[in-house]
Amino acid sequence: TYDKQITEPINDFLEYQNNSHYFKGIVGTGNRNFAELFIFTAKNLSYEYHVPLIYAFEFNGTPTDVSNFKKAVKELESKGH
């Protein structure tokens, strides 16, 4: 998304009880035509909650994106997250 307002319900969810404890990373998807707003929400939440931006891809991604995403998640898991 390209609007900070969408992060409000996500923040509400993460701040409920200890949900943020389980928040280990985030993936962003979007349209690169939006330039600096591409994956805005994912970048914002990554910064706000100090979690890694695991992967970013455009639209639905490609088979290569899926493979790279799986590798990134396995790497995160191997670090004990």
Protein backbone atom coordinates (compact mmCIF):
# COMPACT_ATOMS: atom_id res chain seq x y z
CA THR A 1 0.00 0.00 0.00
CA TYR A 2 1.04 3.58 -0.44
CA ASP A 3 -0.76 5.22 2.46
CA LYS A 4 0.41 5.42 6.07
CA GLN A 5 -3.19 5.06 7.28
CA ILE A 6 -3.19 1.37 6.36
CA THR A 7 -0.52 0.75 8.97
CA GLU A 8 -2.91 1.73 11.77
CA PRO A 9 -4.88 -1.56 11.79
CA ILE A 10 -1.61 -3.47 11.46
CA ASN A 11 -0.16 -1.55 14.41
CA ASP A 12 -3.32 -2.26 16.42
CA PHE A 13 -2.91 -5.97 15.72
CA LEU A 14 0.80 -6.00 16.55
CA GLU A 15 0.29 -4.03 19.75
CA TYR A 16 -2.47 -6.37 20.97
CA GLN A 17 -1.15 -8.45 23.86
CA ASN A 18 2.26 -9.72 22.75
CA ASN A 19 1.63 -10.18 19.01
CA SER A 20 4.69 -8.08 18.16
CA HIS A 21 6.84 -10.73 19.86
CA TYR A 22 5.99 -13.06 16.97
CA PHE A 23 6.71 -10.47 14.29
CA LYS A 24 10.08 -11.61 12.94
CA GLY A 25 10.21 -10.01 9.51
CA ILE A 26 8.16 -8.58 6.68
CA VAL A 27 7.81 -8.95 2.93
CA GLY A 28 6.74 -6.14 0.64
CA THR A 29 5.02 -6.28 -2.72
CA GLY A 30 3.85 -3.53 -4.98
CA ASN A 31 4.27 -1.67 -8.22
CA ARG A 32 7.69 -0.18 -8.93
CA ASN A 33 6.01 2.60 -10.93
CA PHE A 34 5.33 4.23 -7.55
CA ALA A 35 9.10 4.80 -7.17
CA GLU A 36 9.96 5.76 -3.56
CA LEU A 37 6.51 4.59 -2.43
CA PHE A 38 7.22 1.03 -3.62
CA ILE A 39 6.69 -1.24 -0.58
CA PHE A 40 6.19 1.84 1.61
CA THR A 41 4.16 0.00 4.25
CA ALA A 42 6.62 -2.88 4.53
CA LYS A 43 9.55 -0.47 4.88
CA ASN A 44 7.68 1.59 7.45
CA LEU A 45 6.72 -1.42 9.58
CA SER A 46 10.22 -2.86 9.31
CA TYR A 47 11.62 0.40 10.66
CA GLU A 48 8.95 0.88 13.34
CA TYR A 49 9.23 -2.63 14.77
CA HIS A 50 12.94 -3.21 14.12
CA VAL A 51 12.35 -6.33 12.02
CA PRO A 52 14.10 -7.14 8.77
CA LEU A 53 12.57 -6.51 5.40
CA ILE A 54 12.96 -10.11 4.24
CA TYR A 55 12.17 -9.62 0.58
CA ALA A 56 10.51 -7.26 -1.88
CA PHE A 57 8.95 -8.11 -5.21
CA GLU A 58 6.76 -6.52 -7.83
CA PHE A 59 3.15 -7.58 -8.28
CA ASN A 60 2.83 -11.36 -7.83
CA GLY A 61 6.54 -11.97 -8.21
CA THR A 62 8.27 -14.52 -10.39
CA PRO A 63 9.39 -18.10 -9.79
CA THR A 64 12.83 -16.63 -9.03
CA ASP A 65 11.25 -14.34 -6.42
CA VAL A 66 9.60 -17.36 -4.79
CA SER A 67 12.92 -19.21 -4.66
CA ASN A 68 14.77 -16.18 -3.29
CA PHE A 69 12.04 -15.56 -0.72
CA LYS A 70 12.25 -19.16 0.52
CA LYS A 71 16.03 -18.84 0.85
CA ALA A 72 15.66 -15.59 2.79
CA VAL A 73 13.15 -17.16 5.19
CA LYS A 74 15.41 -20.17 5.76
CA GLU A 75 18.30 -17.81 6.49
CA LEU A 76 16.16 -15.92 9.00
CA GLU A 77 15.14 -19.22 10.64
CA SER A 78 18.76 -20.34 10.86
CA LYS A 79 19.54 -17.19 12.84
CA GLY A 80 17.08 -18.33 15.49
CA HIS A 81 14.23 -15.96 14.67
